[in-house]
Amino acid sequence: MTKAKPLRQAMPTVAGWIDEMRAAFGPESINAAIKSGIDGQPTFWASENGRQIGTKAPPCPERTVSLAEIHLGPMNPANAPKKGTRHG
């Protein structure tokens, strides 16, 4: 008899990603990170379909970028597509 996996059913995209991580890095390290996240350490956190599991890592102000600091557009305006071209 197969044991029910309610989180796998509720979070299928996350479950697939975890399966890929286990295949790439080995189940021991991935399972340990998930268990630590569930136990309150910021090593694993996931959210899907309104369900969350694990512990979020606290924000790091030195590595945080505000939306006001993000430039959306060509990095060099001189290389931007000209109006009237296929891309402009």
N, C-alpha and C. Protein backbone atom coordinates (compact mmCIF):
# COMPACT_ATOMS: atom_id res chain seq x y z
N MET A 1 0.84 -1.18 0.00
CA MET A 1 0.00 0.00 0.00
C MET A 1 0.88 1.25 0.00
N THR A 2 0.56 2.23 -0.86
CA THR A 2 1.34 3.45 -0.97
C THR A 2 0.84 4.50 0.01
N LYS A 3 1.77 5.12 0.70
CA LYS A 3 1.44 6.16 1.67
C LYS A 3 1.05 7.44 0.93
N ALA A 4 0.00 8.13 1.39
CA ALA A 4 -0.46 9.37 0.77
C ALA A 4 0.61 10.45 0.91
N LYS A 5 0.74 11.29 -0.10
CA LYS A 5 1.70 12.39 -0.11
C LYS A 5 0.95 13.69 -0.36
N PRO A 6 0.27 14.23 0.67
CA PRO A 6 -0.56 15.42 0.45
C PRO A 6 0.22 16.65 -0.03
N LEU A 7 1.44 16.86 0.43
CA LEU A 7 2.21 18.02 -0.04
C LEU A 7 2.60 17.85 -1.49
N ARG A 8 2.96 16.66 -1.90
CA ARG A 8 3.31 16.39 -3.29
C ARG A 8 2.11 16.67 -4.19
N GLN A 9 0.91 16.33 -3.71
CA GLN A 9 -0.30 16.57 -4.48
C GLN A 9 -0.66 18.06 -4.48
N ALA A 10 -0.48 18.74 -3.36
CA ALA A 10 -0.82 20.16 -3.25
C ALA A 10 0.20 21.05 -3.94
N MET A 11 1.45 20.57 -4.05
CA MET A 11 2.53 21.39 -4.60
C MET A 11 3.27 20.60 -5.69
N PRO A 12 2.61 20.27 -6.80
CA PRO A 12 3.24 19.42 -7.81
C PRO A 12 4.45 20.04 -8.50
N THR A 13 4.44 21.35 -8.72
CA THR A 13 5.59 22.00 -9.36
C THR A 13 6.79 21.98 -8.44
N VAL A 14 6.57 22.30 -7.17
CA VAL A 14 7.65 22.26 -6.18
C VAL A 14 8.18 20.83 -6.05
N ALA A 15 7.28 19.86 -6.00
CA ALA A 15 7.70 18.45 -5.88
C ALA A 15 8.57 18.04 -7.06
N GLY A 16 8.19 18.46 -8.27
CA GLY A 16 9.01 18.15 -9.45
C GLY A 16 10.37 18.79 -9.38
N TRP A 17 10.42 20.04 -8.93
CA TRP A 17 11.70 20.75 -8.79
C TRP A 17 12.58 20.04 -7.75
N ILE A 18 11.98 19.65 -6.64
CA ILE A 18 12.74 18.93 -5.60
C ILE A 18 13.28 17.62 -6.17
N ASP A 19 12.47 16.90 -6.94
CA ASP A 19 12.94 15.66 -7.56
C ASP A 19 14.16 15.92 -8.45
N GLU A 20 14.12 17.03 -9.20
CA GLU A 20 15.26 17.38 -10.07
C GLU A 20 16.50 17.72 -9.23
N MET A 21 16.31 18.43 -8.12
CA MET A 21 17.44 18.77 -7.25
C MET A 21 18.03 17.50 -6.63
N ARG A 22 17.17 16.57 -6.22
CA ARG A 22 17.66 15.30 -5.66
C ARG A 22 18.47 14.53 -6.69
N ALA A 23 18.00 14.52 -7.94
CA ALA A 23 18.73 13.82 -9.00
C ALA A 23 20.08 14.48 -9.29
N ALA A 24 20.11 15.81 -9.22
CA ALA A 24 21.34 16.54 -9.53
C ALA A 24 22.35 16.54 -8.39
N PHE A 25 21.87 16.69 -7.15
CA PHE A 25 22.78 16.89 -6.03
C PHE A 25 22.76 15.76 -5.00
N GLY A 26 21.92 14.78 -5.20
CA GLY A 26 21.81 13.67 -4.27
C GLY A 26 20.71 13.91 -3.26
N PRO A 27 19.96 12.87 -2.93
CA PRO A 27 18.84 13.04 -2.01
C PRO A 27 19.25 13.41 -0.59
N GLU A 28 20.43 13.00 -0.15
CA GLU A 28 20.82 13.26 1.23
C GLU A 28 20.91 14.76 1.52
N SER A 29 21.61 15.49 0.65
CA SER A 29 21.78 16.93 0.91
C SER A 29 20.46 17.69 0.74
N ILE A 30 19.67 17.33 -0.24
CA ILE A 30 18.40 18.02 -0.46
C ILE A 30 17.43 17.72 0.68
N ASN A 31 17.34 16.45 1.07
CA ASN A 31 16.45 16.08 2.17
C ASN A 31 16.86 16.77 3.46
N ALA A 32 18.17 16.89 3.69
CA ALA A 32 18.65 17.56 4.90
C ALA A 32 18.27 19.04 4.89
N ALA A 33 18.38 19.70 3.72
CA ALA A 33 18.00 21.11 3.62
C ALA A 33 16.50 21.30 3.86
N ILE A 34 15.70 20.41 3.30
CA ILE A 34 14.25 20.50 3.50
C ILE A 34 13.90 20.29 4.97
N LYS A 35 14.48 19.26 5.58
CA LYS A 35 14.20 18.98 7.00
C LYS A 35 14.60 20.16 7.88
N SER A 36 15.76 20.75 7.60
CA SER A 36 16.21 21.92 8.37
C SER A 36 15.26 23.09 8.19
N GLY A 37 14.77 23.29 6.96
CA GLY A 37 13.81 24.37 6.71
C GLY A 37 12.52 24.16 7.46
N ILE A 38 12.05 22.92 7.51
CA ILE A 38 10.83 22.60 8.25
C ILE A 38 11.06 22.80 9.74
N ASP A 39 12.29 22.56 10.19
CA ASP A 39 12.62 22.71 11.62
C ASP A 39 12.93 24.16 12.01
N GLY A 40 12.79 25.11 11.08
CA GLY A 40 12.95 26.52 11.43
C GLY A 40 14.22 27.18 10.95
N GLN A 41 15.11 26.46 10.29
CA GLN A 41 16.32 27.07 9.77
C GLN A 41 16.06 27.58 8.36
N PRO A 42 16.65 28.69 7.96
CA PRO A 42 16.37 29.25 6.63
C PRO A 42 17.14 28.55 5.50
N THR A 43 16.96 27.24 5.39
CA THR A 43 17.64 26.46 4.37
C THR A 43 16.72 26.03 3.24
N PHE A 44 15.40 26.10 3.46
CA PHE A 44 14.44 25.70 2.44
C PHE A 44 13.11 26.36 2.72
N TRP A 45 12.52 26.93 1.66
CA TRP A 45 11.17 27.48 1.73
C TRP A 45 10.56 27.38 0.35
N ALA A 46 9.31 26.97 0.29
CA ALA A 46 8.62 26.87 -0.99
C ALA A 46 7.16 27.27 -0.80
N SER A 47 6.56 27.77 -1.89
CA SER A 47 5.15 28.17 -1.88
C SER A 47 4.53 27.80 -3.21
N GLU A 48 3.34 27.19 -3.15
CA GLU A 48 2.59 26.85 -4.37
C GLU A 48 1.13 26.63 -3.99
N ASN A 49 0.26 27.12 -4.81
CA ASN A 49 -1.19 26.95 -4.60
C ASN A 49 -1.64 27.39 -3.22
N GLY A 50 -1.04 28.46 -2.69
CA GLY A 50 -1.44 28.97 -1.39
C GLY A 50 -0.88 28.19 -0.21
N ARG A 51 -0.09 27.19 -0.48
CA ARG A 51 0.51 26.36 0.58
C ARG A 51 1.99 26.72 0.71
N GLN A 52 2.49 26.82 1.93
CA GLN A 52 3.90 27.14 2.15
C GLN A 52 4.51 26.09 3.06
N ILE A 53 5.79 25.84 2.85
CA ILE A 53 6.52 24.90 3.70
C ILE A 53 7.94 25.41 3.87
N GLY A 54 8.50 25.20 5.04
CA GLY A 54 9.88 25.59 5.31
C GLY A 54 9.97 26.95 5.98
N THR A 55 11.16 27.52 5.95
CA THR A 55 11.45 28.79 6.61
C THR A 55 12.12 29.73 5.61
N LYS A 56 11.52 30.89 5.40
CA LYS A 56 12.11 31.88 4.49
C LYS A 56 13.41 32.40 5.08
N ALA A 57 14.36 32.68 4.21
CA ALA A 57 15.60 33.33 4.63
C ALA A 57 15.29 34.80 4.87
N PRO A 58 15.86 35.39 5.92
CA PRO A 58 15.63 36.82 6.16
C PRO A 58 16.25 37.64 5.04
N PRO A 59 15.68 38.80 4.72
CA PRO A 59 16.26 39.64 3.67
C PRO A 59 17.64 40.14 4.08
N CYS A 60 18.50 40.29 3.11
CA CYS A 60 19.85 40.79 3.34
C CYS A 60 19.93 42.18 2.72
N PRO A 61 19.93 43.24 3.54
CA PRO A 61 19.92 44.60 2.99
C PRO A 61 21.07 44.88 2.02
N GLU A 62 22.22 44.26 2.23
CA GLU A 62 23.36 44.48 1.34
C GLU A 62 23.14 43.88 -0.04
N ARG A 63 22.21 42.93 -0.15
CA ARG A 63 21.96 42.26 -1.43
C ARG A 63 20.56 42.52 -1.96
N THR A 64 19.88 43.49 -1.38
CA THR A 64 18.52 43.80 -1.79
C THR A 64 18.55 44.94 -2.81
N VAL A 65 17.75 44.79 -3.86
CA VAL A 65 17.63 45.81 -4.89
C VAL A 65 16.18 46.26 -4.91
N SER A 66 15.97 47.55 -4.83
CA SER A 66 14.60 48.07 -4.87
C SER A 66 14.15 48.17 -6.33
N LEU A 67 12.86 48.20 -6.54
CA LEU A 67 12.33 48.33 -7.88
C LEU A 67 12.79 49.63 -8.52
N ALA A 68 12.96 50.68 -7.72
CA ALA A 68 13.42 51.97 -8.24
C ALA A 68 14.85 51.89 -8.78
N GLU A 69 15.62 50.91 -8.34
CA GLU A 69 17.01 50.78 -8.79
C GLU A 69 17.15 49.91 -10.05
N ILE A 70 16.04 49.33 -10.50
CA ILE A 70 16.09 48.43 -11.66
C ILE A 70 15.87 49.24 -12.93
N HIS A 71 16.73 49.05 -13.91
CA HIS A 71 16.61 49.71 -15.20
C HIS A 71 16.05 48.71 -16.19
N LEU A 72 14.88 49.00 -16.70
CA LEU A 72 14.26 48.14 -17.69
C LEU A 72 14.39 48.81 -19.05
N GLY A 73 15.24 48.28 -19.85
CA GLY A 73 15.46 48.86 -21.17
C GLY A 73 16.89 48.58 -21.59
N PRO A 74 17.28 49.12 -22.72
CA PRO A 74 18.65 48.88 -23.19
C PRO A 74 19.66 49.43 -22.20
N MET A 75 20.71 48.68 -21.98
CA MET A 75 21.76 49.16 -21.08
C MET A 75 22.48 50.35 -21.68
N ASN A 76 22.59 50.37 -23.00
CA ASN A 76 23.25 51.46 -23.69
C ASN A 76 22.24 52.04 -24.67
N PRO A 77 21.66 53.21 -24.37
CA PRO A 77 20.64 53.78 -25.26
C PRO A 77 21.12 53.95 -26.70
N ALA A 78 22.41 54.09 -26.91
CA ALA A 78 22.92 54.22 -28.29
C ALA A 78 22.68 52.94 -29.09
N ASN A 79 22.54 51.80 -28.39
CA ASN A 79 22.31 50.53 -29.07
C ASN A 79 20.83 50.17 -29.14
N ALA A 80 19.96 51.06 -28.67
CA ALA A 80 18.52 50.77 -28.67
C ALA A 80 18.01 50.75 -30.10
N PRO A 81 17.02 49.92 -30.38
CA PRO A 81 16.44 49.90 -31.72
C PRO A 81 15.85 51.26 -32.06
N LYS A 82 16.00 51.67 -33.31
CA LYS A 82 15.48 52.95 -33.76
C LYS A 82 14.00 52.80 -34.10
N LYS A 83 13.24 53.86 -33.88
CA LYS A 83 11.82 53.85 -34.22
C LYS A 83 11.67 53.63 -35.72
N GLY A 84 10.66 52.84 -36.07
CA GLY A 84 10.42 52.55 -37.47
C GLY A 84 11.12 51.30 -37.96
N THR A 85 11.98 50.70 -37.11
CA THR A 85 12.62 49.45 -37.48
C THR A 85 11.75 48.30 -36.99
N ARG A 86 12.07 47.12 -37.34
CA ARG A 86 11.28 45.95 -36.94
C ARG A 86 11.16 45.85 -35.43
N HIS A 87 12.16 46.27 -34.69
CA HIS A 87 12.17 46.12 -33.23
C HIS A 87 11.74 47.38 -32.51
N GLY A 88 11.50 48.47 -33.19
CA GLY A 88 11.25 49.73 -32.50
C GLY A 88 9.93 50.29 -32.64
